[in-house]
Amino acid sequence: LNPLNVPCGPILSMKELAEEPSLRETGTIVEVD
């Protein structure tokens, strides 16, 4: 659907968000010691 410009979004769980590499790269989710 995205190439057809149909707005849509998957229901992402907190586990999926925590493991999403792009969110780590942008600093939206950060690992702290």
PDB file of all heavy atoms in Angstrom:
ATOM      1  N   LEU A   1       0.797  -1.227   0.000  1.00  0.00           N
ATOM      2  CA  LEU A   1       0.000   0.000   0.000  1.00  0.00           C
ATOM      3  C   LEU A   1       0.830   1.278   0.000  1.00  0.00           C
ATOM      4  O   LEU A   1       0.391   2.306  -0.537  1.00  0.00           O
ATOM      5  CB  LEU A   1      -0.959   0.002   1.186  1.00  0.00           C
ATOM      6  CG  LEU A   1      -2.045  -1.084   1.180  1.00  0.00           C
ATOM      7  CD1 LEU A   1      -3.018  -0.855   2.334  1.00  0.00           C
ATOM      8  CD2 LEU A   1      -2.790  -1.124  -0.147  1.00  0.00           C
ATOM      9  N   ASN A   2       1.999   1.253   0.612  1.00  0.00           N
ATOM     10  CA  ASN A   2       2.800   2.478   0.665  1.00  0.00           C
ATOM     11  C   ASN A   2       3.157   3.030  -0.715  1.00  0.00           C
ATOM     12  O   ASN A   2       3.046   4.239  -0.943  1.00  0.00           O
ATOM     13  CB  ASN A   2       4.064   2.251   1.488  1.00  0.00           C
ATOM     14  CG  ASN A   2       3.835   2.546   2.959  1.00  0.00           C
ATOM     15  OD1 ASN A   2       2.962   3.323   3.317  1.00  0.00           O
ATOM     16  ND2 ASN A   2       4.620   1.916   3.819  1.00  0.00           N
ATOM     17  N   PRO A   3       3.603   2.194  -1.669  1.00  0.00           N
ATOM     18  CA  PRO A   3       3.894   2.737  -3.006  1.00  0.00           C
ATOM     19  C   PRO A   3       2.663   3.316  -3.698  1.00  0.00           C
ATOM     20  O   PRO A   3       2.796   4.116  -4.629  1.00  0.00           O
ATOM     21  CB  PRO A   3       4.431   1.514  -3.776  1.00  0.00           C
ATOM     22  CG  PRO A   3       4.929   0.586  -2.714  1.00  0.00           C
ATOM     23  CD  PRO A   3       4.004   0.771  -1.566  1.00  0.00           C
ATOM     24  N   LEU A   4       1.468   2.925  -3.228  1.00  0.00           N
ATOM     25  CA  LEU A   4       0.225   3.445  -3.797  1.00  0.00           C
ATOM     26  C   LEU A   4      -0.239   4.708  -3.074  1.00  0.00           C
ATOM     27  O   LEU A   4      -1.316   5.230  -3.372  1.00  0.00           O
ATOM     28  CB  LEU A   4      -0.865   2.369  -3.716  1.00  0.00           C
ATOM     29  CG  LEU A   4      -0.566   1.038  -4.422  1.00  0.00           C
ATOM     30  CD1 LEU A   4      -1.679   0.034  -4.154  1.00  0.00           C
ATOM     31  CD2 LEU A   4      -0.376   1.256  -5.921  1.00  0.00           C
ATOM     32  N   ASN A   5       0.587   5.164  -2.106  1.00  0.00           N
ATOM     33  CA  ASN A   5       0.272   6.363  -1.310  1.00  0.00           C
ATOM     34  C   ASN A   5      -0.981   6.207  -0.460  1.00  0.00           C
ATOM     35  O   ASN A   5      -1.668   7.191  -0.153  1.00  0.00           O
ATOM     36  CB  ASN A   5       0.143   7.599  -2.203  1.00  0.00           C
ATOM     37  CG  ASN A   5       1.464   8.000  -2.834  1.00  0.00           C
ATOM     38  OD1 ASN A   5       2.506   7.975  -2.179  1.00  0.00           O
ATOM     39  ND2 ASN A   5       1.432   8.337  -4.121  1.00  0.00           N
ATOM     40  N   VAL A   6      -1.280   4.970  -0.094  1.00  0.00           N
ATOM     41  CA  VAL A   6      -2.398   4.712   0.815  1.00  0.00           C
ATOM     42  C   VAL A   6      -1.882   4.847   2.245  1.00  0.00           C
ATOM     43  O   VAL A   6      -0.991   4.102   2.652  1.00  0.00           O
ATOM     44  CB  VAL A   6      -2.985   3.305   0.599  1.00  0.00           C
ATOM     45  CG1 VAL A   6      -4.093   3.027   1.630  1.00  0.00           C
ATOM     46  CG2 VAL A   6      -3.527   3.164  -0.818  1.00  0.00           C
ATOM     47  N   PRO A   7      -2.387   5.790   3.029  1.00  0.00           N
ATOM     48  CA  PRO A   7      -1.918   5.926   4.411  1.00  0.00           C
ATOM     49  C   PRO A   7      -2.275   4.684   5.232  1.00  0.00           C
ATOM     50  O   PRO A   7      -3.440   4.285   5.285  1.00  0.00           O
ATOM     51  CB  PRO A   7      -2.678   7.152   4.926  1.00  0.00           C
ATOM     52  CG  PRO A   7      -3.162   7.863   3.703  1.00  0.00           C
ATOM     53  CD  PRO A   7      -3.405   6.799   2.686  1.00  0.00           C
ATOM     54  N   CYS A   8      -1.272   4.080   5.844  1.00  0.00           N
ATOM     55  CA  CYS A   8      -1.513   2.895   6.659  1.00  0.00           C
ATOM     56  C   CYS A   8      -0.349   2.712   7.621  1.00  0.00           C
ATOM     57  O   CYS A   8       0.758   3.196   7.377  1.00  0.00           O
ATOM     58  CB  CYS A   8      -1.683   1.643   5.798  1.00  0.00           C
ATOM     59  SG  CYS A   8      -0.257   1.248   4.756  1.00  0.00           S
ATOM     60  N   GLY A   9      -0.626   2.038   8.716  1.00  0.00           N
ATOM     61  CA  GLY A   9       0.424   1.809   9.696  1.00  0.00           C
ATOM     62  C   GLY A   9       0.168   0.555  10.497  1.00  0.00           C
ATOM     63  O   GLY A   9      -0.953   0.348  10.988  1.00  0.00           O
ATOM     64  N   PRO A  10       1.177  -0.306  10.645  1.00  0.00           N
ATOM     65  CA  PRO A  10       0.994  -1.530  11.417  1.00  0.00           C
ATOM     66  C   PRO A  10       0.862  -1.230  12.899  1.00  0.00           C
ATOM     67  O   PRO A  10       1.392  -0.234  13.393  1.00  0.00           O
ATOM     68  CB  PRO A  10       2.277  -2.318  11.132  1.00  0.00           C
ATOM     69  CG  PRO A  10       3.305  -1.261  10.871  1.00  0.00           C
ATOM     70  CD  PRO A  10       2.565  -0.156  10.160  1.00  0.00           C
ATOM     71  N   ILE A  11       0.148  -2.062  13.612  1.00  0.00           N
ATOM     72  CA  ILE A  11       0.079  -1.962  15.062  1.00  0.00           C
ATOM     73  C   ILE A  11       1.389  -2.534  15.602  1.00  0.00           C
ATOM     74  O   ILE A  11       1.610  -3.750  15.558  1.00  0.00           O
ATOM     75  CB  ILE A  11      -1.122  -2.747  15.628  1.00  0.00           C
ATOM     76  CG1 ILE A  11      -2.416  -2.332  14.923  1.00  0.00           C
ATOM     77  CG2 ILE A  11      -1.216  -2.548  17.136  1.00  0.00           C
ATOM     78  CD1 ILE A  11      -2.704  -0.847  14.967  1.00  0.00           C
ATOM     79  N   LEU A  12       2.271  -1.664  16.069  1.00  0.00           N
ATOM     80  CA  LEU A  12       3.577  -2.091  16.560  1.00  0.00           C
ATOM     81  C   LEU A  12       3.542  -2.229  18.078  1.00  0.00           C
ATOM     82  O   LEU A  12       3.135  -1.302  18.781  1.00  0.00           O
ATOM     83  CB  LEU A  12       4.658  -1.083  16.150  1.00  0.00           C
ATOM     84  CG  LEU A  12       4.904  -0.944  14.650  1.00  0.00           C
ATOM     85  CD1 LEU A  12       5.968   0.122  14.383  1.00  0.00           C
ATOM     86  CD2 LEU A  12       5.321  -2.277  14.034  1.00  0.00           C
ATOM     87  N   SER A  13       3.946  -3.394  18.558  1.00  0.00           N
ATOM     88  CA  SER A  13       3.991  -3.629  19.998  1.00  0.00           C
ATOM     89  C   SER A  13       5.189  -2.912  20.603  1.00  0.00           C
ATOM     90  O   SER A  13       6.112  -2.481  19.894  1.00  0.00           O
ATOM     91  CB  SER A  13       4.104  -5.126  20.274  1.00  0.00           C
ATOM     92  OG  SER A  13       5.389  -5.606  19.858  1.00  0.00           O
ATOM     93  N   MET A  14       5.195  -2.784  21.923  1.00  0.00           N
ATOM     94  CA  MET A  14       6.346  -2.182  22.593  1.00  0.00           C
ATOM     95  C   MET A  14       7.607  -3.014  22.365  1.00  0.00           C
ATOM     96  O   MET A  14       8.711  -2.464  22.276  1.00  0.00           O
ATOM     97  CB  MET A  14       6.069  -2.029  24.085  1.00  0.00           C
ATOM     98  CG  MET A  14       5.224  -0.832  24.421  1.00  0.00           C
ATOM     99  SD  MET A  14       6.058   0.711  23.958  1.00  0.00           S
ATOM    100  CE  MET A  14       4.637   1.767  23.661  1.00  0.00           C
ATOM    101  N   LYS A  15       7.454  -4.320  22.249  1.00  0.00           N
ATOM    102  CA  LYS A  15       8.614  -5.174  21.968  1.00  0.00           C
ATOM    103  C   LYS A  15       9.175  -4.865  20.585  1.00  0.00           C
ATOM    104  O   LYS A  15      10.389  -4.738  20.400  1.00  0.00           O
ATOM    105  CB  LYS A  15       8.224  -6.650  22.055  1.00  0.00           C
ATOM    106  CG  LYS A  15       9.388  -7.623  21.886  1.00  0.00           C
ATOM    107  CD  LYS A  15       8.924  -9.061  22.103  1.00  0.00           C
ATOM    108  CE  LYS A  15      10.100 -10.037  22.114  1.00  0.00           C
ATOM    109  NZ  LYS A  15      10.862 -10.058  20.855  1.00  0.00           N
ATOM    110  N   GLU A  16       8.290  -4.713  19.605  1.00  0.00           N
ATOM    111  CA  GLU A  16       8.747  -4.397  18.251  1.00  0.00           C
ATOM    112  C   GLU A  16       9.408  -3.029  18.201  1.00  0.00           C
ATOM    113  O   GLU A  16      10.434  -2.846  17.528  1.00  0.00           O
ATOM    114  CB  GLU A  16       7.556  -4.448  17.285  1.00  0.00           C
ATOM    115  CG  GLU A  16       7.052  -5.864  17.030  1.00  0.00           C
ATOM    116  CD  GLU A  16       5.750  -5.888  16.246  1.00  0.00           C
ATOM    117  OE1 GLU A  16       4.835  -5.112  16.599  1.00  0.00           O
ATOM    118  OE2 GLU A  16       5.639  -6.689  15.301  1.00  0.00           O
ATOM    119  N   LEU A  17       8.843  -2.063  18.917  1.00  0.00           N
ATOM    120  CA  LEU A  17       9.437  -0.734  18.934  1.00  0.00           C
ATOM    121  C   LEU A  17      10.798  -0.735  19.621  1.00  0.00           C
ATOM    122  O   LEU A  17      11.741  -0.086  19.153  1.00  0.00           O
ATOM    123  CB  LEU A  17       8.491   0.242  19.648  1.00  0.00           C
ATOM    124  CG  LEU A  17       7.202   0.582  18.896  1.00  0.00           C
ATOM    125  CD1 LEU A  17       6.225   1.290  19.813  1.00  0.00           C
ATOM    126  CD2 LEU A  17       7.505   1.426  17.672  1.00  0.00           C
ATOM    127  N   ALA A  18      10.906  -1.481  20.715  1.00  0.00           N
ATOM    128  CA  ALA A  18      12.173  -1.543  21.448  1.00  0.00           C
ATOM    129  C   ALA A  18      13.287  -2.153  20.601  1.00  0.00           C
ATOM    130  O   ALA A  18      14.466  -1.830  20.783  1.00  0.00           O
ATOM    131  CB  ALA A  18      11.991  -2.338  22.731  1.00  0.00           C
ATOM    132  N   GLU A  19      12.910  -3.030  19.678  1.00  0.00           N
ATOM    133  CA  GLU A  19      13.904  -3.731  18.862  1.00  0.00           C
ATOM    134  C   GLU A  19      14.098  -3.106  17.484  1.00  0.00           C
ATOM    135  O   GLU A  19      14.883  -3.609  16.684  1.00  0.00           O
ATOM    136  CB  GLU A  19      13.483  -5.201  18.716  1.00  0.00           C
ATOM    137  CG  GLU A  19      13.472  -5.961  20.045  1.00  0.00           C
ATOM    138  CD  GLU A  19      12.891  -7.357  19.926  1.00  0.00           C
ATOM    139  OE1 GLU A  19      12.354  -7.683  18.825  1.00  0.00           O
ATOM    140  OE2 GLU A  19      12.948  -8.118  20.906  1.00  0.00           O
ATOM    141  N   GLU A  20      13.397  -2.010  17.191  1.00  0.00           N
ATOM    142  CA  GLU A  20      13.464  -1.390  15.867  1.00  0.00           C
ATOM    143  C   GLU A  20      14.785  -0.620  15.692  1.00  0.00           C
ATOM    144  O   GLU A  20      15.029   0.377  16.376  1.00  0.00           O
ATOM    145  CB  GLU A  20      12.273  -0.453  15.679  1.00  0.00           C
ATOM    146  CG  GLU A  20      12.307   0.394  14.420  1.00  0.00           C
ATOM    147  CD  GLU A  20      12.488  -0.439  13.151  1.00  0.00           C
ATOM    148  OE1 GLU A  20      11.753  -1.435  12.996  1.00  0.00           O
ATOM    149  OE2 GLU A  20      13.364  -0.085  12.343  1.00  0.00           O
ATOM    150  N   PRO A  21      15.650  -1.056  14.774  1.00  0.00           N
ATOM    151  CA  PRO A  21      16.968  -0.413  14.610  1.00  0.00           C
ATOM    152  C   PRO A  21      16.889   1.065  14.246  1.00  0.00           C
ATOM    153  O   PRO A  21      17.702   1.869  14.711  1.00  0.00           O
ATOM    154  CB  PRO A  21      17.618  -1.222  13.477  1.00  0.00           C
ATOM    155  CG  PRO A  21      16.887  -2.523  13.461  1.00  0.00           C
ATOM    156  CD  PRO A  21      15.487  -2.215  13.875  1.00  0.00           C
ATOM    157  N   SER A  22      15.919   1.444  13.429  1.00  0.00           N
ATOM    158  CA  SER A  22      15.858   2.842  12.984  1.00  0.00           C
ATOM    159  C   SER A  22      15.591   3.790  14.145  1.00  0.00           C
ATOM    160  O   SER A  22      16.081   4.932  14.149  1.00  0.00           O
ATOM    161  CB  SER A  22      14.762   3.018  11.921  1.00  0.00           C
ATOM    162  OG  SER A  22      13.475   2.783  12.464  1.00  0.00           O
ATOM    163  N   LEU A  23      14.851   3.341  15.156  1.00  0.00           N
ATOM    164  CA  LEU A  23      14.572   4.191  16.313  1.00  0.00           C
ATOM    165  C   LEU A  23      15.815   4.366  17.181  1.00  0.00           C
ATOM    166  O   LEU A  23      15.984   5.390  17.847  1.00  0.00           O
ATOM    167  CB  LEU A  23      13.423   3.619  17.138  1.00  0.00           C
ATOM    168  CG  LEU A  23      12.068   3.555  16.426  1.00  0.00           C
ATOM    169  CD1 LEU A  23      11.007   2.949  17.338  1.00  0.00           C
ATOM    170  CD2 LEU A  23      11.627   4.943  15.955  1.00  0.00           C
ATOM    171  N   ARG A  24      16.701   3.355  17.167  1.00  0.00           N
ATOM    172  CA  ARG A  24      17.987   3.501  17.874  1.00  0.00           C
ATOM    173  C   ARG A  24      18.878   4.491  17.124  1.00  0.00           C
ATOM    174  O   ARG A  24      19.558   5.326  17.730  1.00  0.00           O
ATOM    175  CB  ARG A  24      18.697   2.145  17.969  1.00  0.00           C
ATOM    176  CG  ARG A  24      17.904   1.026  18.625  1.00  0.00           C
ATOM    177  CD  ARG A  24      17.753   1.223  20.123  1.00  0.00           C
ATOM    178  NE  ARG A  24      17.128   0.062  20.729  1.00  0.00           N
ATOM    179  CZ  ARG A  24      17.786  -0.951  21.291  1.00  0.00           C
ATOM    180  NH1 ARG A  24      19.103  -0.928  21.341  1.00  0.00           N
ATOM    181  NH2 ARG A  24      17.128  -1.972  21.823  1.00  0.00           N
ATOM    182  N   GLU A  25      18.870   4.384  15.795  1.00  0.00           N
ATOM    183  CA  GLU A  25      19.741   5.240  14.994  1.00  0.00           C
ATOM    184  C   GLU A  25      19.369   6.720  15.113  1.00  0.00           C
ATOM    185  O   GLU A  25      20.236   7.589  15.090  1.00  0.00           O
ATOM    186  CB  GLU A  25      19.676   4.804  13.527  1.00  0.00           C
ATOM    187  CG  GLU A  25      20.301   3.429  13.276  1.00  0.00           C
ATOM    188  CD  GLU A  25      20.006   2.895  11.888  1.00  0.00           C
ATOM    189  OE1 GLU A  25      19.375   3.631  11.094  1.00  0.00           O
ATOM    190  OE2 GLU A  25      20.373   1.743  11.593  1.00  0.00           O
ATOM    191  N   THR A  26      18.093   7.007  15.263  1.00  0.00           N
ATOM    192  CA  THR A  26      17.656   8.402  15.355  1.00  0.00           C
ATOM    193  C   THR A  26      17.689   8.924  16.790  1.00  0.00           C
ATOM    194  O   THR A  26      17.440  10.123  17.014  1.00  0.00           O
ATOM    195  CB  THR A  26      16.216   8.564  14.823  1.00  0.00           C
ATOM    196  OG1 THR A  26      15.327   7.733  15.593  1.00  0.00           O
ATOM    197  CG2 THR A  26      16.144   8.171  13.353  1.00  0.00           C
ATOM    198  N   GLY A  27      17.978   8.062  17.751  1.00  0.00           N
ATOM    199  CA  GLY A  27      17.998   8.498  19.143  1.00  0.00           C
ATOM    200  C   GLY A  27      16.625   8.598  19.772  1.00  0.00           C
ATOM    201  O   GLY A  27      16.472   9.169  20.848  1.00  0.00           O
ATOM    202  N   THR A  28      15.625   8.028  19.115  1.00  0.00           N
ATOM    203  CA  THR A  28      14.276   8.027  19.678  1.00  0.00           C
ATOM    204  C   THR A  28      14.177   7.038  20.834  1.00  0.00           C
ATOM    205  O   THR A  28      13.460   7.270  21.809  1.00  0.00           O
ATOM    206  CB  THR A  28      13.247   7.694  18.584  1.00  0.00           C
ATOM    207  OG1 THR A  28      13.363   8.671  17.542  1.00  0.00           O
ATOM    208  CG2 THR A  28      11.837   7.699  19.128  1.00  0.00           C
ATOM    209  N   ILE A  29      14.889   5.933  20.713  1.00  0.00           N
ATOM    210  CA  ILE A  29      15.074   4.985  21.817  1.00  0.00           C
ATOM    211  C   ILE A  29      16.566   4.882  22.072  1.00  0.00           C
ATOM    212  O   ILE A  29      17.356   4.723  21.132  1.00  0.00           O
ATOM    213  CB  ILE A  29      14.472   3.607  21.491  1.00  0.00           C
ATOM    214  CG1 ILE A  29      12.937   3.703  21.432  1.00  0.00           C
ATOM    215  CG2 ILE A  29      14.881   2.574  22.538  1.00  0.00           C
ATOM    216  CD1 ILE A  29      12.241   2.403  21.109  1.00  0.00           C
ATOM    217  N   VAL A  30      16.964   5.012  23.332  1.00  0.00           N
ATOM    218  CA  VAL A  30      18.379   5.079  23.688  1.00  0.00           C
ATOM    219  C   VAL A  30      18.692   4.040  24.761  1.00  0.00           C
ATOM    220  O   VAL A  30      17.907   3.842  25.696  1.00  0.00           O
ATOM    221  CB  VAL A  30      18.739   6.484  24.224  1.00  0.00           C
ATOM    222  CG1 VAL A  30      20.219   6.580  24.553  1.00  0.00           C
ATOM    223  CG2 VAL A  30      18.350   7.560  23.211  1.00  0.00           C
ATOM    224  N   GLU A  31      19.828   3.382  24.615  1.00  0.00           N
ATOM    225  CA  GLU A  31      20.300   2.481  25.659  1.00  0.00           C
ATOM    226  C   GLU A  31      21.253   3.250  26.567  1.00  0.00           C
ATOM    227  O   GLU A  31      22.202   3.867  26.097  1.00  0.00           O
ATOM    228  CB  GLU A  31      21.014   1.270  25.056  1.00  0.00           C
ATOM    229  CG  GLU A  31      21.417   0.240  26.101  1.00  0.00           C
ATOM    230  CD  GLU A  31      22.054  -1.000  25.492  1.00  0.00           C
ATOM    231  OE1 GLU A  31      23.247  -0.924  25.102  1.00  0.00           O
ATOM    232  OE2 GLU A  31      21.367  -2.033  25.391  1.00  0.00           O
ATOM    233  N   VAL A  32      20.970   3.217  27.861  1.00  0.00           N
ATOM    234  CA  VAL A  32      21.737   3.979  28.844  1.00  0.00           C
ATOM    235  C   VAL A  32      22.319   3.016  29.870  1.00  0.00           C
ATOM    236  O   VAL A  32      21.689   2.010  30.218  1.00  0.00           O
ATOM    237  CB  VAL A  32      20.829   5.021  29.546  1.00  0.00           C
ATOM    238  CG1 VAL A  32      21.621   5.817  30.558  1.00  0.00           C
ATOM    239  CG2 VAL A  32      20.195   5.949  28.517  1.00  0.00           C
ATOM    240  N   ASP A  33      23.516   3.321  30.347  1.00  0.00           N
ATOM    241  CA  ASP A  33      24.174   2.475  31.346  1.00  0.00           C
ATOM    242  C   ASP A  33      24.059   3.135  32.717  1.00  0.00           C
ATOM    243  O   ASP A  33      24.458   4.287  32.902  1.00  0.00           O
ATOM    244  CB  ASP A  33      25.645   2.271  30.978  1.00  0.00           C
ATOM    245  CG  ASP A  33      26.241   1.042  31.672  1.00  0.00           C
ATOM    246  OD1 ASP A  33      25.512   0.362  32.415  1.00  0.00           O
ATOM    247  OD2 ASP A  33      27.433   0.765  31.456  1.00  0.00           O
TER     248      ASP A  33
END
